[in-house]
């Protein structure tokens, strides 16, 4: 694998190649088809950042926190019925579903989430 672009001489550093190398080592290469679509959305940058964190599994839900050896209830803080995960919190929690319904009412649209996880919904 060559780390030199078509316009680079051997030994020259280009930030883009360094970035791509680091991302590929973390497993964040071109395989994430959703990334380009996400950054092109017409919405506030903080919304894009939040959604990126959701898709990357960086939201501190109890399933992730417990995998990092943190102790806590493990249950959803909204419904207290199921284990808290990104998929539960944003797609399956009855309290979240109420919020999505309200948003749909405000937008005068019916929001339908099809898929078993947040990546499929996206």
PDB file of N, CA and C in Angstrom:
ATOM      1  N   UNK A   1       0.851  -1.171   0.000  1.00  0.00           N
ATOM      2  CA  UNK A   1       0.000   0.000   0.000  1.00  0.00           C
ATOM      3  C   UNK A   1       0.893   1.228   0.000  1.00  0.00           C
ATOM      4  N   UNK A   2       0.646   2.104  -0.928  1.00  0.00           N
ATOM      5  CA  UNK A   2       1.435   3.329  -1.017  1.00  0.00           C
ATOM      6  C   UNK A   2       0.697   4.464  -0.328  1.00  0.00           C
ATOM      7  N   UNK A   3       1.437   5.272   0.384  1.00  0.00           N
ATOM      8  CA  UNK A   3       0.839   6.404   1.079  1.00  0.00           C
ATOM      9  C   UNK A   3       1.106   7.707   0.346  1.00  0.00           C
ATOM     10  N   UNK A   4       1.557   7.623  -0.875  1.00  0.00           N
ATOM     11  CA  UNK A   4       1.869   8.820  -1.644  1.00  0.00           C
ATOM     12  C   UNK A   4       0.784   9.050  -2.675  1.00  0.00           C
ATOM     13  N   UNK A   5       0.354  10.273  -2.808  1.00  0.00           N
ATOM     14  CA  UNK A   5      -0.648  10.619  -3.802  1.00  0.00           C
ATOM     15  C   UNK A   5       0.007  10.797  -5.158  1.00  0.00           C
ATOM     16  N   UNK A   6      -0.787  11.009  -6.197  1.00  0.00           N
ATOM     17  CA  UNK A   6      -0.237  11.129  -7.536  1.00  0.00           C
ATOM     18  C   UNK A   6       0.676  12.348  -7.711  1.00  0.00           C
ATOM     19  N   UNK A   7       0.502  13.397  -6.925  1.00  0.00           N
ATOM     20  CA  UNK A   7       1.292  14.616  -7.077  1.00  0.00           C
ATOM     21  C   UNK A   7       2.409  14.708  -6.046  1.00  0.00           C
ATOM     22  N   UNK A   8       2.634  13.667  -5.271  1.00  0.00           N
ATOM     23  CA  UNK A   8       3.636  13.730  -4.213  1.00  0.00           C
ATOM     24  C   UNK A   8       4.895  12.988  -4.592  1.00  0.00           C
ATOM     25  N   UNK A   9       6.003  13.524  -4.168  1.00  0.00           N
ATOM     26  CA  UNK A   9       7.282  12.837  -4.318  1.00  0.00           C
ATOM     27  C   UNK A   9       7.480  11.975  -3.088  1.00  0.00           C
ATOM     28  N   UNK A  10       8.218  10.917  -3.254  1.00  0.00           N
ATOM     29  CA  UNK A  10       8.490  10.043  -2.123  1.00  0.00           C
ATOM     30  C   UNK A  10       9.174  10.847  -1.018  1.00  0.00           C
ATOM     31  N   UNK A  11       8.676  10.691   0.210  1.00  0.00           N
ATOM     32  CA  UNK A  11       9.243  11.398   1.352  1.00  0.00           C
ATOM     33  C   UNK A  11       8.524  12.675   1.720  1.00  0.00           C
ATOM     34  N   UNK A  12       7.631  13.168   0.852  1.00  0.00           N
ATOM     35  CA  UNK A  12       6.853  14.366   1.180  1.00  0.00           C
ATOM     36  C   UNK A  12       5.650  13.963   2.014  1.00  0.00           C
ATOM     37  N   UNK A  13       5.313  14.807   2.982  1.00  0.00           N
ATOM     38  CA  UNK A  13       4.157  14.535   3.840  1.00  0.00           C
ATOM     39  C   UNK A  13       2.956  15.328   3.345  1.00  0.00           C
ATOM     40  N   UNK A  14       1.822  14.679   3.305  1.00  0.00           N
ATOM     41  CA  UNK A  14       0.562  15.349   2.979  1.00  0.00           C
ATOM     42  C   UNK A  14      -0.427  15.023   4.096  1.00  0.00           C
ATOM     43  N   UNK A  15      -1.037  16.042   4.689  1.00  0.00           N
ATOM     44  CA  UNK A  15      -1.978  15.801   5.788  1.00  0.00           C
ATOM     45  C   UNK A  15      -3.094  14.821   5.443  1.00  0.00           C
ATOM     46  N   UNK A  16      -3.594  14.878   4.222  1.00  0.00           N
ATOM     47  CA  UNK A  16      -4.697  13.993   3.843  1.00  0.00           C
ATOM     48  C   UNK A  16      -4.284  12.526   3.936  1.00  0.00           C
ATOM     49  N   UNK A  17      -3.071  12.197   3.480  1.00  0.00           N
ATOM     50  CA  UNK A  17      -2.617  10.819   3.552  1.00  0.00           C
ATOM     51  C   UNK A  17      -2.412  10.389   5.003  1.00  0.00           C
ATOM     52  N   UNK A  18      -1.903  11.296   5.836  1.00  0.00           N
ATOM     53  CA  UNK A  18      -1.737  10.979   7.251  1.00  0.00           C
ATOM     54  C   UNK A  18      -3.067  10.716   7.923  1.00  0.00           C
ATOM     55  N   UNK A  19      -4.037  11.550   7.621  1.00  0.00           N
ATOM     56  CA  UNK A  19      -5.381  11.383   8.179  1.00  0.00           C
ATOM     57  C   UNK A  19      -5.975  10.050   7.726  1.00  0.00           C
ATOM     58  N   UNK A  20      -5.887   9.763   6.416  1.00  0.00           N
ATOM     59  CA  UNK A  20      -6.443   8.518   5.895  1.00  0.00           C
ATOM     60  C   UNK A  20      -5.765   7.299   6.507  1.00  0.00           C
ATOM     61  N   UNK A  21      -4.464   7.384   6.714  1.00  0.00           N
ATOM     62  CA  UNK A  21      -3.739   6.272   7.341  1.00  0.00           C
ATOM     63  C   UNK A  21      -4.238   6.040   8.763  1.00  0.00           C
ATOM     64  N   UNK A  22      -4.367   7.107   9.544  1.00  0.00           N
ATOM     65  CA  UNK A  22      -4.847   6.965  10.917  1.00  0.00           C
ATOM     66  C   UNK A  22      -6.265   6.414  10.956  1.00  0.00           C
ATOM     67  N   UNK A  23      -7.130   6.910  10.091  1.00  0.00           N
ATOM     68  CA  UNK A  23      -8.516   6.443  10.074  1.00  0.00           C
ATOM     69  C   UNK A  23      -8.593   4.974   9.660  1.00  0.00           C
ATOM     70  N   UNK A  24      -7.778   4.555   8.715  1.00  0.00           N
ATOM     71  CA  UNK A  24      -7.829   3.156   8.293  1.00  0.00           C
ATOM     72  C   UNK A  24      -7.320   2.234   9.402  1.00  0.00           C
ATOM     73  N   UNK A  25      -6.353   2.682  10.200  1.00  0.00           N
ATOM     74  CA  UNK A  25      -5.867   1.872  11.317  1.00  0.00           C
ATOM     75  C   UNK A  25      -6.920   1.714  12.399  1.00  0.00           C
ATOM     76  N   UNK A  26      -7.814   2.686  12.547  1.00  0.00           N
ATOM     77  CA  UNK A  26      -8.882   2.599  13.540  1.00  0.00           C
ATOM     78  C   UNK A  26     -10.104   1.884  12.964  1.00  0.00           C
ATOM     79  N   UNK A  27     -10.042   1.502  11.693  1.00  0.00           N
ATOM     80  CA  UNK A  27     -11.190   0.853  11.069  1.00  0.00           C
ATOM     81  C   UNK A  27     -12.236   1.839  10.604  1.00  0.00           C
ATOM     82  N   UNK A  28     -11.837   3.094  10.424  1.00  0.00           N
ATOM     83  CA  UNK A  28     -12.784   4.131  10.002  1.00  0.00           C
ATOM     84  C   UNK A  28     -12.513   4.579   8.584  1.00  0.00           C
ATOM     85  N   UNK A  29     -12.254   3.653   7.717  1.00  0.00           N
ATOM     86  CA  UNK A  29     -11.917   4.003   6.348  1.00  0.00           C
ATOM     87  C   UNK A  29     -13.147   4.286   5.515  1.00  0.00           C
ATOM     88  N   UNK A  30     -13.031   4.011   4.225  1.00  0.00           N
ATOM     89  CA  UNK A  30     -14.108   4.291   3.288  1.00  0.00           C
ATOM     90  C   UNK A  30     -15.311   3.378   3.469  1.00  0.00           C
ATOM     91  N   UNK A  31     -15.212   2.394   4.364  1.00  0.00           N
ATOM     92  CA  UNK A  31     -16.310   1.451   4.527  1.00  0.00           C
ATOM     93  C   UNK A  31     -17.542   2.107   5.142  1.00  0.00           C
ATOM     94  N   UNK A  32     -17.381   3.285   5.718  1.00  0.00           N
ATOM     95  CA  UNK A  32     -18.533   3.960   6.316  1.00  0.00           C
ATOM     96  C   UNK A  32     -19.206   4.841   5.272  1.00  0.00           C
ATOM     97  N   UNK A  33     -20.102   4.222   4.546  1.00  0.00           N
ATOM     98  CA  UNK A  33     -20.787   4.855   3.431  1.00  0.00           C
ATOM     99  C   UNK A  33     -21.627   6.054   3.868  1.00  0.00           C
ATOM    100  N   UNK A  34     -22.047   6.058   5.124  1.00  0.00           N
ATOM    101  CA  UNK A  34     -22.960   7.091   5.605  1.00  0.00           C
ATOM    102  C   UNK A  34     -22.263   8.406   5.904  1.00  0.00           C
ATOM    103  N   UNK A  35     -20.962   8.393   6.074  1.00  0.00           N
ATOM    104  CA  UNK A  35     -20.249   9.581   6.532  1.00  0.00           C
ATOM    105  C   UNK A  35     -20.383  10.754   5.569  1.00  0.00           C
ATOM    106  N   UNK A  36     -20.191  10.527   4.285  1.00  0.00           N
ATOM    107  CA  UNK A  36     -20.276  11.631   3.317  1.00  0.00           C
ATOM    108  C   UNK A  36     -21.680  12.212   3.280  1.00  0.00           C
ATOM    109  N   UNK A  37     -22.685  11.343   3.350  1.00  0.00           N
ATOM    110  CA  UNK A  37     -24.073  11.817   3.350  1.00  0.00           C
ATOM    111  C   UNK A  37     -24.362  12.644   4.600  1.00  0.00           C
ATOM    112  N   UNK A  38     -23.842  12.195   5.719  1.00  0.00           N
ATOM    113  CA  UNK A  38     -24.093  12.876   6.988  1.00  0.00           C
ATOM    114  C   UNK A  38     -23.563  14.306   6.972  1.00  0.00           C
ATOM    115  N   UNK A  39     -22.335  14.493   6.519  1.00  0.00           N
ATOM    116  CA  UNK A  39     -21.725  15.829   6.569  1.00  0.00           C
ATOM    117  C   UNK A  39     -22.330  16.781   5.551  1.00  0.00           C
ATOM    118  N   UNK A  40     -23.079  16.264   4.564  1.00  0.00           N
ATOM    119  CA  UNK A  40     -23.726  17.136   3.577  1.00  0.00           C
ATOM    120  C   UNK A  40     -25.123  17.592   4.009  1.00  0.00           C
ATOM    121  N   UNK A  41     -25.634  17.055   5.117  1.00  0.00           N
ATOM    122  CA  UNK A  41     -26.971  17.449   5.574  1.00  0.00           C
ATOM    123  C   UNK A  41     -27.042  18.942   5.854  1.00  0.00           C
ATOM    124  N   UNK A  42     -28.194  19.513   5.578  1.00  0.00           N
ATOM    125  CA  UNK A  42     -28.410  20.936   5.873  1.00  0.00           C
ATOM    126  C   UNK A  42     -29.051  21.050   7.246  1.00  0.00           C
ATOM    127  N   UNK A  43     -28.219  20.996   8.268  1.00  0.00           N
ATOM    128  CA  UNK A  43     -28.658  21.117   9.649  1.00  0.00           C
ATOM    129  C   UNK A  43     -27.477  21.653  10.458  1.00  0.00           C
ATOM    130  N   UNK A  44     -27.722  22.068  11.687  1.00  0.00           N
ATOM    131  CA  UNK A  44     -26.627  22.618  12.499  1.00  0.00           C
ATOM    132  C   UNK A  44     -25.495  21.599  12.695  1.00  0.00           C
ATOM    133  N   UNK A  45     -24.254  22.087  12.730  1.00  0.00           N
ATOM    134  CA  UNK A  45     -23.114  21.180  12.925  1.00  0.00           C
ATOM    135  C   UNK A  45     -23.234  20.320  14.179  1.00  0.00           C
ATOM    136  N   UNK A  46     -23.792  20.868  15.262  1.00  0.00           N
ATOM    137  CA  UNK A  46     -23.895  20.050  16.471  1.00  0.00           C
ATOM    138  C   UNK A  46     -24.848  18.876  16.278  1.00  0.00           C
ATOM    139  N   UNK A  47     -25.843  19.020  15.401  1.00  0.00           N
ATOM    140  CA  UNK A  47     -26.736  17.903  15.092  1.00  0.00           C
ATOM    141  C   UNK A  47     -25.983  16.826  14.322  1.00  0.00           C
ATOM    142  N   UNK A  48     -25.155  17.247  13.376  1.00  0.00           N
ATOM    143  CA  UNK A  48     -24.346  16.285  12.617  1.00  0.00           C
ATOM    144  C   UNK A  48     -23.375  15.562  13.545  1.00  0.00           C
ATOM    145  N   UNK A  49     -22.759  16.304  14.459  1.00  0.00           N
ATOM    146  CA  UNK A  49     -21.825  15.686  15.402  1.00  0.00           C
ATOM    147  C   UNK A  49     -22.529  14.677  16.299  1.00  0.00           C
ATOM    148  N   UNK A  50     -23.719  15.029  16.784  1.00  0.00           N
ATOM    149  CA  UNK A  50     -24.483  14.101  17.616  1.00  0.00           C
ATOM    150  C   UNK A  50     -24.806  12.832  16.840  1.00  0.00           C
ATOM    151  N   UNK A  51     -25.271  12.985  15.615  1.00  0.00           N
ATOM    152  CA  UNK A  51     -25.628  11.806  14.838  1.00  0.00           C
ATOM    153  C   UNK A  51     -24.398  10.972  14.512  1.00  0.00           C
ATOM    154  N   UNK A  52     -23.260  11.612  14.260  1.00  0.00           N
ATOM    155  CA  UNK A  52     -22.023  10.876  14.027  1.00  0.00           C
ATOM    156  C   UNK A  52     -21.686  10.036  15.260  1.00  0.00           C
ATOM    157  N   UNK A  53     -21.813  10.655  16.449  1.00  0.00           N
ATOM    158  CA  UNK A  53     -21.540   9.934  17.701  1.00  0.00           C
ATOM    159  C   UNK A  53     -22.499   8.759  17.877  1.00  0.00           C
ATOM    160  N   UNK A  54     -23.753   8.960  17.519  1.00  0.00           N
ATOM    161  CA  UNK A  54     -24.737   7.876  17.615  1.00  0.00           C
ATOM    162  C   UNK A  54     -24.337   6.722  16.705  1.00  0.00           C
ATOM    163  N   UNK A  55     -24.010   7.021  15.449  1.00  0.00           N
ATOM    164  CA  UNK A  55     -23.663   5.968  14.495  1.00  0.00           C
ATOM    165  C   UNK A  55     -22.349   5.278  14.834  1.00  0.00           C
ATOM    166  N   UNK A  56     -21.431   5.979  15.463  1.00  0.00           N
ATOM    167  CA  UNK A  56     -20.135   5.404  15.835  1.00  0.00           C
ATOM    168  C   UNK A  56     -20.171   4.702  17.190  1.00  0.00           C
ATOM    169  N   UNK A  57     -21.309   4.743  17.889  1.00  0.00           N
ATOM    170  CA  UNK A  57     -21.399   4.102  19.202  1.00  0.00           C
ATOM    171  C   UNK A  57     -20.628   4.856  20.263  1.00  0.00           C
ATOM    172  N   UNK A  58     -20.626   6.173  20.173  1.00  0.00           N
ATOM    173  CA  UNK A  58     -19.877   7.002  21.116  1.00  0.00           C
ATOM    174  C   UNK A  58     -20.780   7.684  22.149  1.00  0.00           C
ATOM    175  N   UNK A  59     -22.075   7.416  22.097  1.00  0.00           N
ATOM    176  CA  UNK A  59     -23.010   7.988  23.057  1.00  0.00           C
ATOM    177  C   UNK A  59     -22.908   7.168  24.351  1.00  0.00           C
ATOM    178  N   UNK A  60     -22.759   7.818  25.496  1.00  0.00           N
ATOM    179  CA  UNK A  60     -22.553   7.058  26.743  1.00  0.00           C
ATOM    180  C   UNK A  60     -23.837   6.428  27.296  1.00  0.00           C
ATOM    181  N   UNK A  61     -24.345   5.442  26.563  1.00  0.00           N
ATOM    182  CA  UNK A  61     -25.487   4.688  27.070  1.00  0.00           C
ATOM    183  C   UNK A  61     -24.950   3.606  28.010  1.00  0.00           C
ATOM    184  N   UNK A  62     -25.843   3.028  28.819  1.00  0.00           N
ATOM    185  CA  UNK A  62     -25.381   2.086  29.839  1.00  0.00           C
ATOM    186  C   UNK A  62     -24.681   0.860  29.272  1.00  0.00           C
ATOM    187  N   UNK A  63     -25.098   0.392  28.110  1.00  0.00           N
ATOM    188  CA  UNK A  63     -24.408  -0.773  27.555  1.00  0.00           C
ATOM    189  C   UNK A  63     -22.948  -0.449  27.240  1.00  0.00           C
ATOM    190  N   UNK A  64     -22.679   0.739  26.728  1.00  0.00           N
ATOM    191  CA  UNK A  64     -21.306   1.149  26.426  1.00  0.00           C
ATOM    192  C   UNK A  64     -20.535   1.427  27.713  1.00  0.00           C
ATOM    193  N   UNK A  65     -21.163   2.122  28.659  1.00  0.00           N
ATOM    194  CA  UNK A  65     -20.482   2.430  29.921  1.00  0.00           C
ATOM    195  C   UNK A  65     -20.116   1.151  30.678  1.00  0.00           C
ATOM    196  N   UNK A  66     -21.017   0.177  30.698  1.00  0.00           N
ATOM    197  CA  UNK A  66     -20.719  -1.070  31.396  1.00  0.00           C
ATOM    198  C   UNK A  66     -19.621  -1.861  30.694  1.00  0.00           C
ATOM    199  N   UNK A  67     -19.518  -1.727  29.373  1.00  0.00           N
ATOM    200  CA  UNK A  67     -18.417  -2.398  28.673  1.00  0.00           C
ATOM    201  C   UNK A  67     -17.075  -1.764  29.021  1.00  0.00           C
ATOM    202  N   UNK A  68     -17.132  -0.553  29.588  1.00  0.00           N
ATOM    203  CA  UNK A  68     -15.924   0.144  30.041  1.00  0.00           C
ATOM    204  C   UNK A  68     -15.772   0.042  31.559  1.00  0.00           C
ATOM    205  N   UNK A  69     -16.424  -0.949  32.140  1.00  0.00           N
ATOM    206  CA  UNK A  69     -16.315  -1.300  33.554  1.00  0.00           C
ATOM    207  C   UNK A  69     -16.899  -0.249  34.498  1.00  0.00           C
ATOM    208  N   UNK A  70     -17.892   0.516  34.034  1.00  0.00           N
ATOM    209  CA  UNK A  70     -18.586   1.439  34.924  1.00  0.00           C
ATOM    210  C   UNK A  70     -19.794   0.717  35.508  1.00  0.00           C
ATOM    211  N   UNK A  71     -20.103   1.049  36.724  1.00  0.00           N
ATOM    212  CA  UNK A  71     -21.223   0.414  37.402  1.00  0.00           C
ATOM    213  C   UNK A  71     -22.423   1.348  37.394  1.00  0.00           C
ATOM    214  N   UNK A  72     -23.583   0.773  37.204  1.00  0.00           N
ATOM    215  CA  UNK A  72     -24.800   1.560  37.196  1.00  0.00           C
ATOM    216  C   UNK A  72     -25.992   0.662  36.948  1.00  0.00           C
ATOM    217  N   UNK A  73     -27.156   1.261  36.832  1.00  0.00           N
ATOM    218  CA  UNK A  73     -28.381   0.462  36.724  1.00  0.00           C
ATOM    219  C   UNK A  73     -28.485  -0.350  35.435  1.00  0.00           C
ATOM    220  N   UNK A  74     -27.979   0.164  34.337  1.00  0.00           N
ATOM    221  CA  UNK A  74     -28.072  -0.565  33.080  1.00  0.00           C
ATOM    222  C   UNK A  74     -29.417  -0.424  32.391  1.00  0.00           C
ATOM    223  N   UNK A  75     -30.407   0.027  33.099  1.00  0.00           N
ATOM    224  CA  UNK A  75     -31.750   0.205  32.531  1.00  0.00           C
ATOM    225  C   UNK A  75     -31.893   1.587  31.916  1.00  0.00           C
ATOM    226  N   UNK A  76     -32.799   1.676  30.959  1.00  0.00           N
ATOM    227  CA  UNK A  76     -33.104   2.947  30.314  1.00  0.00           C
ATOM    228  C   UNK A  76     -33.583   3.944  31.368  1.00  0.00           C
ATOM    229  N   UNK A  77     -33.010   5.137  31.338  1.00  0.00           N
ATOM    230  CA  UNK A  77     -33.391   6.145  32.333  1.00  0.00           C
ATOM    231  C   UNK A  77     -34.751   6.764  32.033  1.00  0.00           C
ATOM    232  N   UNK A  78     -35.280   6.550  30.832  1.00  0.00           N
ATOM    233  CA  UNK A  78     -36.590   7.111  30.485  1.00  0.00           C
ATOM    234  C   UNK A  78     -37.736   6.158  30.841  1.00  0.00           C
ATOM    235  N   UNK A  79     -37.648   4.906  30.379  1.00  0.00           N
ATOM    236  CA  UNK A  79     -38.763   3.978  30.598  1.00  0.00           C
ATOM    237  C   UNK A  79     -38.510   3.001  31.745  1.00  0.00           C
ATOM    238  N   UNK A  80     -37.275   2.840  32.147  1.00  0.00           N
ATOM    239  CA  UNK A  80     -36.865   1.949  33.233  1.00  0.00           C
ATOM    240  C   UNK A  80     -37.256   0.495  32.995  1.00  0.00           C
ATOM    241  N   UNK A  81     -37.559   0.133  31.742  1.00  0.00           N
ATOM    242  CA  UNK A  81     -38.026  -1.219  31.449  1.00  0.00           C
ATOM    243  C   UNK A  81     -36.967  -2.088  30.782  1.00  0.00           C
ATOM    244  N   UNK A  82     -36.242  -1.537  29.845  1.00  0.00           N
ATOM    245  CA  UNK A  82     -35.276  -2.336  29.080  1.00  0.00           C
ATOM    246  C   UNK A  82     -33.860  -1.830  29.300  1.00  0.00           C
ATOM    247  N   UNK A  83     -32.901  -2.638  28.860  1.00  0.00           N
ATOM    248  CA  UNK A  83     -31.493  -2.228  28.935  1.00  0.00           C
ATOM    249  C   UNK A  83     -31.289  -1.028  28.015  1.00  0.00           C
ATOM    250  N   UNK A  84     -30.502  -0.068  28.491  1.00  0.00           N
ATOM    251  CA  UNK A  84     -30.265   1.141  27.715  1.00  0.00           C
ATOM    252  C   UNK A  84     -29.164   0.899  26.690  1.00  0.00           C
ATOM    253  N   UNK A  85     -29.486   1.153  25.446  1.00  0.00           N
ATOM    254  CA  UNK A  85     -28.532   1.095  24.339  1.00  0.00           C
ATOM    255  C   UNK A  85     -28.917   2.209  23.374  1.00  0.00           C
ATOM    256  N   UNK A  86     -28.063   2.469  22.415  1.00  0.00           N
ATOM    257  CA  UNK A  86     -28.379   3.498  21.416  1.00  0.00           C
ATOM    258  C   UNK A  86     -29.656   3.134  20.679  1.00  0.00           C
ATOM    259  N   UNK A  87     -29.768   1.866  20.264  1.00  0.00           N
ATOM    260  CA  UNK A  87     -30.963   1.442  19.527  1.00  0.00           C
ATOM    261  C   UNK A  87     -32.220   1.574  20.375  1.00  0.00           C
ATOM    262  N   UNK A  88     -32.133   1.173  21.636  1.00  0.00           N
ATOM    263  CA  UNK A  88     -33.306   1.303  22.506  1.00  0.00           C
ATOM    264  C   UNK A  88     -33.653   2.775  22.706  1.00  0.00           C
ATOM    265  N   UNK A  89     -32.658   3.565  23.050  1.00  0.00           N
ATOM    266  CA  UNK A  89     -32.899   4.954  23.410  1.00  0.00           C
ATOM    267  C   UNK A  89     -33.492   5.772  22.273  1.00  0.00           C
ATOM    268  N   UNK A  90     -33.017   5.557  21.056  1.00  0.00           N
ATOM    269  CA  UNK A  90     -33.468   6.387  19.938  1.00  0.00           C
ATOM    270  C   UNK A  90     -34.559   5.761  19.081  1.00  0.00           C
ATOM    271  N   UNK A  91     -34.759   4.438  19.177  1.00  0.00           N
ATOM    272  CA  UNK A  91     -35.728   3.789  18.293  1.00  0.00           C
ATOM    273  C   UNK A  91     -36.851   3.050  19.005  1.00  0.00           C
ATOM    274  N   UNK A  92     -36.556   2.413  20.139  1.00  0.00           N
ATOM    275  CA  UNK A  92     -37.511   1.471  20.721  1.00  0.00           C
ATOM    276  C   UNK A  92     -38.127   1.892  22.043  1.00  0.00           C
ATOM    277  N   UNK A  93     -37.533   2.833  22.730  1.00  0.00           N
ATOM    278  CA  UNK A  93     -38.050   3.259  24.025  1.00  0.00           C
ATOM    279  C   UNK A  93     -39.430   3.906  23.834  1.00  0.00           C
ATOM    280  N   UNK A  94     -40.427   3.491  24.613  1.00  0.00           N
ATOM    281  CA  UNK A  94     -41.761   4.082  24.482  1.00  0.00           C
ATOM    282  C   UNK A  94     -41.752   5.608  24.664  1.00  0.00           C
ATOM    283  N   UNK A  95     -40.900   6.097  25.540  1.00  0.00           N
ATOM    284  CA  UNK A  95     -40.832   7.547  25.756  1.00  0.00           C
ATOM    285  C   UNK A  95     -40.243   8.257  24.537  1.00  0.00           C
ATOM    286  N   UNK A  96     -39.245   7.662  23.921  1.00  0.00           N
ATOM    287  CA  UNK A  96     -38.665   8.239  22.702  1.00  0.00           C
ATOM    288  C   UNK A  96     -39.667   8.208  21.558  1.00  0.00           C
ATOM    289  N   UNK A  97     -40.418   7.117  21.477  1.00  0.00           N
ATOM    290  CA  UNK A  97     -41.428   6.995  20.415  1.00  0.00           C
ATOM    291  C   UNK A  97     -42.454   8.117  20.545  1.00  0.00           C
ATOM    292  N   UNK A  98     -42.831   8.462  21.793  1.00  0.00           N
ATOM    293  CA  UNK A  98     -43.751   9.587  22.001  1.00  0.00           C
ATOM    294  C   UNK A  98     -43.157  10.881  21.465  1.00  0.00           C
ATOM    295  N   UNK A  99     -41.856  11.098  21.720  1.00  0.00           N
ATOM    296  CA  UNK A  99     -41.189  12.308  21.232  1.00  0.00           C
ATOM    297  C   UNK A  99     -41.176  12.325  19.707  1.00  0.00           C
ATOM    298  N   UNK A 100     -40.831  11.191  19.079  1.00  0.00           N
ATOM    299  CA  UNK A 100     -40.813  11.132  17.620  1.00  0.00           C
ATOM    300  C   UNK A 100     -42.207  11.397  17.049  1.00  0.00           C
ATOM    301  N   UNK A 101     -43.246  10.896  17.713  1.00  0.00           N
ATOM    302  CA  UNK A 101     -44.621  11.152  17.256  1.00  0.00           C
ATOM    303  C   UNK A 101     -44.950  12.638  17.334  1.00  0.00           C
ATOM    304  N   UNK A 102     -44.531  13.289  18.416  1.00  0.00           N
ATOM    305  CA  UNK A 102     -44.759  14.734  18.558  1.00  0.00           C
ATOM    306  C   UNK A 102     -44.030  15.517  17.470  1.00  0.00           C
ATOM    307  N   UNK A 103     -42.790  15.109  17.193  1.00  0.00           N
ATOM    308  CA  UNK A 103     -42.031  15.776  16.122  1.00  0.00           C
ATOM    309  C   UNK A 103     -42.749  15.583  14.791  1.00  0.00           C
ATOM    310  N   UNK A 104     -43.235  14.375  14.540  1.00  0.00           N
ATOM    311  CA  UNK A 104     -43.995  14.112  13.320  1.00  0.00           C
ATOM    312  C   UNK A 104     -45.241  14.968  13.234  1.00  0.00           C
ATOM    313  N   UNK A 105     -45.945  15.138  14.366  1.00  0.00           N
ATOM    314  CA  UNK A 105     -47.136  15.990  14.379  1.00  0.00           C
ATOM    315  C   UNK A 105     -46.790  17.441  14.058  1.00  0.00           C
ATOM    316  N   UNK A 106     -45.696  17.927  14.640  1.00  0.00           N
ATOM    317  CA  UNK A 106     -45.272  19.303  14.387  1.00  0.00           C
ATOM    318  C   UNK A 106     -44.919  19.484  12.908  1.00  0.00           C
ATOM    319  N   UNK A 107     -44.254  18.492  12.321  1.00  0.00           N
ATOM    320  CA  UNK A 107     -43.859  18.571  10.914  1.00  0.00           C
ATOM    321  C   UNK A 107     -44.979  18.151   9.968  1.00  0.00           C
ATOM    322  N   UNK A 108     -46.089  17.711  10.541  1.00  0.00           N
ATOM    323  CA  UNK A 108     -47.230  17.223   9.771  1.00  0.00           C
ATOM    324  C   UNK A 108     -46.827  16.036   8.875  1.00  0.00           C
ATOM    325  N   UNK A 109     -46.013  15.152   9.447  1.00  0.00           N
ATOM    326  CA  UNK A 109     -45.552  13.953   8.736  1.00  0.00           C
ATOM    327  C   UNK A 109     -45.611  12.774   9.693  1.00  0.00           C
ATOM    328  N   UNK A 110     -45.750  11.598   9.125  1.00  0.00           N
ATOM    329  CA  UNK A 110     -45.685  10.387   9.943  1.00  0.00           C
ATOM    330  C   UNK A 110     -44.266   9.837   9.839  1.00  0.00           C
ATOM    331  N   UNK A 111     -43.592   9.786  10.970  1.00  0.00           N
ATOM    332  CA  UNK A 111     -42.229   9.264  10.987  1.00  0.00           C
ATOM    333  C   UNK A 111     -42.269   7.758  11.199  1.00  0.00           C
ATOM    334  N   UNK A 112     -41.662   7.024  10.296  1.00  0.00           N
ATOM    335  CA  UNK A 112     -41.631   5.567  10.382  1.00  0.00           C
ATOM    336  C   UNK A 112     -40.167   5.135  10.346  1.00  0.00           C
ATOM    337  N   UNK A 113     -39.739   4.421  11.384  1.00  0.00           N
ATOM    338  CA  UNK A 113     -38.370   3.911  11.438  1.00  0.00           C
ATOM    339  C   UNK A 113     -38.385   2.462  10.998  1.00  0.00           C
ATOM    340  N   UNK A 114     -37.718   2.182   9.907  1.00  0.00           N
ATOM    341  CA  UNK A 114     -37.639   0.803   9.419  1.00  0.00           C
ATOM    342  C   UNK A 114     -36.211   0.320   9.565  1.00  0.00           C
ATOM    343  N   UNK A 115     -36.034  -0.745  10.291  1.00  0.00           N
ATOM    344  CA  UNK A 115     -34.711  -1.305  10.515  1.00  0.00           C
ATOM    345  C   UNK A 115     -34.575  -1.769  11.949  1.00  0.00           C
ATOM    346  N   UNK A 116     -33.634  -2.669  12.171  1.00  0.00           N
ATOM    347  CA  UNK A 116     -33.468  -3.213  13.512  1.00  0.00           C
ATOM    348  C   UNK A 116     -32.479  -2.425  14.348  1.00  0.00           C
ATOM    349  N   UNK A 117     -31.673  -1.580  13.690  1.00  0.00           N
ATOM    350  CA  UNK A 117     -30.729  -0.759  14.451  1.00  0.00           C
ATOM    351  C   UNK A 117     -30.606   0.617  13.797  1.00  0.00           C
ATOM    352  N   UNK A 118     -29.914   1.505  14.476  1.00  0.00           N
ATOM    353  CA  UNK A 118     -29.831   2.893  14.030  1.00  0.00           C
ATOM    354  C   UNK A 118     -29.126   3.014  12.677  1.00  0.00           C
ATOM    355  N   UNK A 119     -28.161   2.132  12.407  1.00  0.00           N
ATOM    356  CA  UNK A 119     -27.477   2.172  11.114  1.00  0.00           C
ATOM    357  C   UNK A 119     -28.427   1.816   9.958  1.00  0.00           C
ATOM    358  N   UNK A 120     -29.293   0.828  10.182  1.00  0.00           N
ATOM    359  CA  UNK A 120     -30.257   0.455   9.150  1.00  0.00           C
ATOM    360  C   UNK A 120     -31.283   1.563   8.931  1.00  0.00           C
ATOM    361  N   UNK A 121     -31.685   2.206  10.007  1.00  0.00           N
ATOM    362  CA  UNK A 121     -32.647   3.298   9.892  1.00  0.00           C
ATOM    363  C   UNK A 121     -32.051   4.437   9.061  1.00  0.00           C
ATOM    364  N   UNK A 122     -30.765   4.725   9.306  1.00  0.00           N
ATOM    365  CA  UNK A 122     -30.104   5.790   8.547  1.00  0.00           C
ATOM    366  C   UNK A 122     -30.081   5.419   7.076  1.00  0.00           C
TER     367      UNK A 122
END
